[in-house]
């Protein structure tokens, strides 16, 4: 395992929660210090960014605000959860919905939006998850929140049957966007209802499923608690992306002198680099020292990775 841990890019299967994945990684690596970024619903598959050991401290700093999803939307049927796990609440004949109307409605759901999350989302209402309140029989109405959908496009021609239309789509969006809410709102705009039947996340910030070969920590059987084998432990350890490599993907890089590295390790400011936003500082030996932000003529550490002693 890399010193200080790292990031594990997990290809989450359907049927388990993001917390289940964290528990599984803890068991595989025999380590308690594991966390994740960007929750995926149980029905969803795809990329879940998991941090191990000291790298858990990086999760709040990594730029993971932009995400990409592949999804299937079914027009003609509405559910109480806006996805296939919910109970059907209404059905309508979608045969009169033209392809051009679908494209127009999808275009209207692109850009800066005020989106109402599903009532069975994980958003907390007075300290309790919305879905827990719904399951307890309460009526939950969540406030609209600003999101940005940069891309909402068809990947193929709509697939039509007598009573439904299935749409295979790609969505590029910001954190906080609910793709199942897009499915609901698209169906509502077309007057026939809609819900999400499949969802796969392929990108979180700079990390992709294909780019780093996300590992399957379940080996395809998430509900059967498969045994932890030596081969699985080795596969997960080999798949760990060292923290320094993850930071290089997520931030612009600045190489500092040994003296500047020591200053950053002691919490002292160094000469500004003229780089907008947070950037990563590495010492001459290529070690990650800190995440730094310029303030005027000086740069200050916003997250220290190396201690003063290890930087010297």
Protein backbone atom coordinates (compact mmCIF):
# COMPACT_ATOMS: atom_id res chain seq x y z
CA UNK A 1 0.00 0.00 0.00
CA UNK A 2 1.31 3.51 -0.79
CA UNK A 3 2.55 5.44 2.28
CA UNK A 4 -0.41 7.39 3.64
CA UNK A 5 -2.86 5.38 1.55
CA UNK A 6 -4.52 6.68 -1.56
CA UNK A 7 -7.65 6.64 -3.66
CA UNK A 8 -9.44 3.53 -4.83
CA UNK A 9 -11.60 3.88 -7.92
CA UNK A 10 -14.34 1.32 -7.40
CA UNK A 11 -16.74 0.07 -10.07
CA UNK A 12 -19.79 -0.26 -7.84
CA UNK A 13 -22.26 -2.97 -8.87
CA UNK A 14 -26.01 -2.64 -8.50
CA UNK A 15 -27.65 -3.85 -5.32
CA UNK A 16 -25.34 -2.34 -2.73
CA UNK A 17 -25.02 1.08 -1.13
CA UNK A 18 -21.99 3.33 -1.16
CA UNK A 19 -21.60 2.60 2.56
CA UNK A 20 -21.61 -1.12 1.75
CA UNK A 21 -18.65 -0.51 -0.55
CA UNK A 22 -16.77 1.34 2.19
CA UNK A 23 -17.45 -1.52 4.62
CA UNK A 24 -16.24 -4.00 2.01
CA UNK A 25 -12.99 -2.09 1.44
CA UNK A 26 -12.43 -1.89 5.20
CA UNK A 27 -12.78 -5.65 5.38
CA UNK A 28 -10.56 -6.34 2.38
CA UNK A 29 -7.76 -4.05 3.56
CA UNK A 30 -8.30 -4.70 7.30
CA UNK A 31 -8.40 -0.94 7.82
CA UNK A 32 -10.98 1.31 9.49
CA UNK A 33 -9.91 4.61 7.96
CA UNK A 34 -11.90 4.48 4.71
CA UNK A 35 -14.34 7.01 3.25
CA UNK A 36 -16.00 7.85 -0.04
CA UNK A 37 -17.05 10.85 -2.14
CA UNK A 38 -20.27 11.21 -4.12
CA UNK A 39 -22.93 8.72 -3.01
CA UNK A 40 -24.44 6.35 -5.58
CA UNK A 41 -27.94 4.91 -5.16
CA UNK A 42 -28.18 1.11 -4.73
CA UNK A 43 -29.64 0.71 -8.24
CA UNK A 44 -26.78 2.69 -9.79
CA UNK A 45 -23.48 1.25 -10.96
CA UNK A 46 -20.17 2.81 -11.81
CA UNK A 47 -17.46 4.99 -10.38
CA UNK A 48 -17.25 5.51 -6.63
CA UNK A 49 -14.17 7.33 -5.36
CA UNK A 50 -12.99 5.70 -2.12
CA UNK A 51 -10.18 7.11 0.03
CA UNK A 52 -7.99 4.96 2.25
CA UNK A 53 -5.90 5.87 5.29
CA UNK A 54 -4.60 9.48 5.41
CA UNK A 55 -5.97 10.14 1.93
CA UNK A 56 -9.44 10.39 3.51
CA UNK A 57 -8.36 13.91 4.51
CA UNK A 58 -8.09 14.79 0.82
CA UNK A 59 -11.75 14.14 0.03
CA UNK A 60 -12.88 17.59 1.10
CA UNK A 61 -10.27 19.25 -1.11
CA UNK A 62 -10.39 17.28 -4.34
CA UNK A 63 -12.23 18.95 -7.22
CA UNK A 64 -15.00 16.37 -7.72
CA UNK A 65 -17.83 18.70 -8.69
CA UNK A 66 -18.33 17.60 -12.30
CA UNK A 67 -19.71 14.14 -13.10
CA UNK A 68 -20.77 12.11 -16.12
CA UNK A 69 -23.54 9.51 -16.21
CA UNK A 70 -24.95 7.07 -18.73
CA UNK A 71 -28.63 6.50 -18.09
CA UNK A 72 -31.82 4.98 -19.48
CA UNK A 73 -35.05 6.95 -19.10
CA UNK A 74 -38.46 5.37 -19.63
CA UNK A 75 -41.24 7.66 -20.83
CA UNK A 76 -44.87 6.72 -20.21
CA UNK A 77 -44.56 5.56 -16.58
CA UNK A 78 -44.08 7.56 -13.37
CA UNK A 79 -42.94 6.12 -10.03
CA UNK A 80 -42.94 7.48 -6.49
CA UNK A 81 -39.13 7.43 -6.37
CA UNK A 82 -38.54 8.64 -9.95
CA UNK A 83 -36.62 5.43 -10.62
CA UNK A 84 -37.29 1.75 -11.23
CA UNK A 85 -37.09 0.88 -7.52
CA UNK A 86 -40.29 2.79 -6.77
CA UNK A 87 -43.98 1.95 -7.09
CA UNK A 88 -45.79 2.98 -10.27
CA UNK A 89 -47.97 6.03 -9.65
CA UNK A 90 -49.20 6.81 -13.18
CA UNK A 91 -49.01 5.58 -16.75
CA UNK A 92 -49.75 7.33 -20.03
CA UNK A 93 -49.59 6.50 -23.72
CA UNK A 94 -46.35 8.02 -25.08
CA UNK A 95 -46.85 6.97 -28.69
CA UNK A 96 -47.77 10.50 -29.75
CA UNK A 97 -44.50 11.98 -28.48
CA UNK A 98 -42.31 12.79 -31.48
CA UNK A 99 -38.54 12.50 -31.49
CA UNK A 100 -38.21 16.22 -32.13
CA UNK A 101 -40.31 16.96 -29.04
CA UNK A 102 -38.02 14.76 -26.95
CA UNK A 103 -34.97 16.63 -28.21
CA UNK A 104 -36.55 20.01 -27.51
CA UNK A 105 -37.55 19.01 -23.97
CA UNK A 106 -34.05 17.67 -23.25
CA UNK A 107 -32.57 20.94 -24.49
CA UNK A 108 -34.79 22.86 -22.07
CA UNK A 109 -33.34 20.77 -19.22
CA UNK A 110 -29.77 21.76 -20.11
CA UNK A 111 -27.87 24.65 -18.55
CA UNK A 112 -28.35 26.33 -15.18
CA UNK A 113 -31.50 24.89 -13.58
CA UNK A 114 -33.49 24.96 -10.38
CA UNK A 115 -34.09 21.28 -9.74
CA UNK A 116 -36.39 19.72 -7.15
CA UNK A 117 -34.71 16.57 -5.76
CA UNK A 118 -36.67 13.35 -5.46
CA UNK A 119 -38.53 13.02 -2.17
CA UNK A 120 -36.70 9.74 -1.53
CA UNK A 121 -33.26 11.31 -1.83
CA UNK A 122 -30.64 11.24 0.92
CA UNK A 123 -31.05 14.96 1.63
CA UNK A 124 -31.57 15.64 5.32
CA UNK A 125 -34.76 17.36 6.49
CA UNK A 126 -34.55 18.51 10.12
CA UNK A 127 -31.79 16.01 10.77
CA UNK A 128 -33.40 12.99 9.07
CA UNK A 129 -32.92 11.63 5.58
CA UNK A 130 -35.80 12.46 3.25
CA UNK A 131 -36.20 8.80 2.28
CA UNK A 132 -36.55 7.79 5.94
CA UNK A 133 -39.37 10.29 6.37
CA UNK A 134 -41.12 9.02 3.24
CA UNK A 135 -40.83 5.41 4.41
CA UNK A 136 -42.36 6.49 7.74
CA UNK A 137 -45.42 7.74 5.85
CA UNK A 138 -44.59 11.44 5.91
CA UNK A 139 -45.14 13.71 2.92
CA UNK A 140 -41.84 15.33 1.97
CA UNK A 141 -41.47 18.28 -0.36
CA UNK A 142 -37.90 19.40 -0.96
CA UNK A 143 -36.92 22.88 -2.07
CA UNK A 144 -35.50 23.42 -5.53
CA UNK A 145 -31.75 23.87 -5.67
CA UNK A 146 -29.46 25.28 -8.36
CA UNK A 147 -27.63 22.73 -10.52
CA UNK A 148 -25.91 22.86 -13.88
CA UNK A 149 -26.50 20.28 -16.62
CA UNK A 150 -23.84 20.85 -19.27
CA UNK A 151 -24.89 17.97 -21.49
CA UNK A 152 -28.13 15.99 -21.75
CA UNK A 153 -28.02 14.13 -25.06
CA UNK A 154 -29.44 11.03 -26.67
CA UNK A 155 -26.89 8.30 -27.43
CA UNK A 156 -29.19 6.51 -29.87
CA UNK A 157 -32.62 6.81 -31.44
CA UNK A 158 -35.50 6.37 -28.96
CA UNK A 159 -36.57 2.74 -28.55
CA UNK A 160 -40.34 2.51 -28.86
CA UNK A 161 -42.86 -0.17 -27.88
CA UNK A 162 -46.63 -0.01 -27.64
CA UNK A 163 -46.70 1.55 -24.18
CA UNK A 164 -43.29 3.10 -23.53
CA UNK A 165 -40.29 4.92 -24.96
CA UNK A 166 -36.81 4.15 -23.68
CA UNK A 167 -34.08 6.76 -24.04
CA UNK A 168 -30.37 6.02 -23.68
CA UNK A 169 -28.73 9.30 -22.64
CA UNK A 170 -25.49 10.84 -21.43
CA UNK A 171 -25.48 13.54 -18.75
CA UNK A 172 -22.64 15.87 -17.77
CA UNK A 173 -23.60 17.77 -14.62
CA UNK A 174 -22.49 19.32 -11.38
CA UNK A 175 -22.63 17.76 -7.94
CA UNK A 176 -26.14 17.78 -6.51
CA UNK A 177 -27.84 17.03 -9.81
CA UNK A 178 -30.27 14.11 -9.66
CA UNK A 179 -30.48 12.24 -12.96
CA UNK A 180 -33.74 10.60 -11.83
CA UNK A 181 -35.16 14.09 -11.34
CA UNK A 182 -34.15 14.85 -14.93
CA UNK A 183 -36.07 11.74 -15.99
CA UNK A 184 -39.12 12.85 -13.98
CA UNK A 185 -38.98 16.41 -15.32
CA UNK A 186 -38.51 15.25 -18.91
CA UNK A 187 -41.55 13.00 -18.65
CA UNK A 188 -43.57 15.81 -17.08
CA UNK A 189 -42.56 18.26 -19.82
CA UNK A 190 -43.73 15.78 -22.46
CA UNK A 191 -46.97 15.13 -20.60
CA UNK A 192 -46.51 11.36 -20.26
CA UNK A 193 -44.41 10.93 -17.10
CA UNK A 194 -41.02 9.32 -16.86
CA UNK A 195 -38.59 7.57 -14.58
CA UNK A 196 -35.01 6.28 -14.52
CA UNK A 197 -34.46 2.58 -15.25
CA UNK A 198 -30.65 2.42 -15.34
CA UNK A 199 -27.79 4.65 -14.19
CA UNK A 200 -24.04 4.28 -14.51
CA UNK A 201 -21.51 6.90 -13.42
CA UNK A 202 -18.44 7.01 -15.64
CA UNK A 203 -16.61 10.11 -14.37
CA UNK A 204 -16.11 12.01 -11.11
CA UNK A 205 -13.98 15.12 -11.56
CA UNK A 206 -10.72 14.04 -13.22
CA UNK A 207 -11.27 10.34 -12.47
CA UNK A 208 -12.92 7.97 -14.94
CA UNK A 209 -13.85 4.31 -15.06
CA UNK A 210 -11.69 3.71 -18.11
CA UNK A 211 -8.81 5.97 -17.19
CA UNK A 212 -7.59 4.05 -14.16
CA UNK A 213 -9.24 0.64 -14.39
CA UNK A 214 -11.71 0.79 -11.50
CA UNK A 215 -11.65 -2.33 -9.36
CA UNK A 216 -14.64 -4.53 -8.48
CA UNK A 217 -14.26 -5.14 -4.74
CA UNK A 218 -17.13 -7.64 -4.81
CA UNK A 219 -16.15 -9.62 -7.88
CA UNK A 220 -19.73 -9.38 -9.14
CA UNK A 221 -21.63 -10.75 -6.13
CA UNK A 222 -22.37 -7.82 -3.78
CA UNK A 223 -25.23 -9.43 -1.84
CA UNK A 224 -23.52 -12.71 -1.01
CA UNK A 225 -20.66 -11.31 1.10
CA UNK A 226 -17.99 -13.13 -0.92
CA UNK A 227 -14.91 -14.19 1.03
CA UNK A 228 -11.81 -12.04 1.12
CA UNK A 229 -9.16 -13.90 -0.82
CA UNK A 230 -5.46 -13.18 -1.13
CA UNK A 231 -6.04 -12.47 -4.81
CA UNK A 232 -8.71 -9.87 -4.01
CA UNK A 233 -6.54 -8.18 -1.39
CA UNK A 234 -3.69 -7.99 -3.89
CA UNK A 235 -5.98 -6.63 -6.61
CA UNK A 236 -7.33 -3.89 -4.35
CA UNK A 237 -3.86 -2.93 -3.09
CA UNK A 238 -2.55 -2.80 -6.66
CA UNK A 239 -5.47 -0.60 -7.69
CA UNK A 240 -4.78 2.06 -5.03
CA UNK A 241 -3.84 5.36 -6.62
CA UNK A 242 -1.19 7.03 -4.42
CA UNK A 243 -2.34 10.34 -2.97
CA UNK A 244 0.35 12.28 -4.84
CA UNK A 245 -0.77 10.82 -8.18
CA UNK A 246 -4.40 11.61 -7.41
CA UNK A 247 -3.49 15.20 -6.56
CA UNK A 248 -1.56 15.56 -9.82
CA UNK A 249 -4.73 14.61 -11.69
CA UNK A 250 -6.93 16.99 -9.73
CA UNK A 251 -4.77 20.13 -9.35
CA UNK A 252 -2.21 22.25 -11.13
CA UNK A 253 1.29 21.48 -9.87
CA UNK A 254 4.04 23.74 -8.53
CA UNK A 255 7.51 22.51 -7.60
CA UNK A 256 8.92 24.39 -4.62
CA UNK A 257 12.42 24.59 -3.22
CA UNK A 258 13.52 22.59 -0.20
CA UNK A 259 13.37 25.75 1.91
CA UNK A 260 9.85 26.54 0.71
CA UNK A 261 8.79 22.96 1.45
CA UNK A 262 10.06 23.34 5.00
CA UNK A 263 8.20 26.64 5.37
CA UNK A 264 4.96 25.08 4.18
CA UNK A 265 5.51 22.17 6.55
CA UNK A 266 5.76 24.66 9.42
CA UNK A 267 2.65 26.53 8.30
CA UNK A 268 4.58 29.51 7.02
CA UNK A 269 3.68 31.34 3.82
CA UNK A 270 5.81 31.30 0.69
CA UNK A 271 6.08 33.53 -2.36
CA UNK A 272 2.97 33.35 -4.53
CA UNK A 273 3.07 31.42 -7.80
CA UNK A 274 0.44 33.42 -9.67
CA UNK A 275 -1.77 30.34 -10.08
CA UNK A 276 -5.53 30.78 -9.85
CA UNK A 277 -7.29 28.56 -7.31
CA UNK A 278 -5.80 25.80 -5.21
CA UNK A 279 -2.68 24.08 -6.52
CA UNK A 280 -0.39 21.28 -5.36
CA UNK A 281 3.12 21.95 -4.06
CA UNK A 282 5.76 19.26 -4.56
CA UNK A 283 9.35 19.39 -3.29
CA UNK A 284 12.41 18.80 -5.51
CA UNK A 285 12.24 15.07 -4.73
CA UNK A 286 8.70 14.88 -6.10
CA UNK A 287 6.99 14.49 -2.73
CA UNK A 288 3.59 16.07 -2.17
CA UNK A 289 3.98 18.78 0.47
CA UNK A 290 0.68 20.66 0.57
CA UNK A 291 -2.23 22.15 -1.28
CA UNK A 292 -1.65 25.88 -1.57
CA UNK A 293 -3.70 28.96 -2.47
CA UNK A 294 -2.23 32.36 -3.33
CA UNK A 295 -3.41 35.38 -1.38
CA UNK A 296 -1.91 38.50 -2.84
CA UNK A 297 1.87 38.17 -3.01
CA UNK A 298 2.01 35.11 -0.74
CA UNK A 299 0.86 31.52 -0.92
CA UNK A 300 -0.52 29.72 2.11
CA UNK A 301 -1.08 26.04 2.81
CA UNK A 302 -4.76 25.07 2.84
CA UNK A 303 -3.99 21.40 3.39
CA UNK A 304 -0.67 20.05 4.63
CA UNK A 305 0.32 16.55 3.53
CA UNK A 306 3.94 16.41 4.67
CA UNK A 307 4.92 17.43 8.17
CA UNK A 308 7.72 19.93 8.73
CA UNK A 309 10.08 17.11 9.73
CA UNK A 310 9.37 14.93 6.72
CA UNK A 311 9.70 17.89 4.37
CA UNK A 312 13.19 18.67 5.63
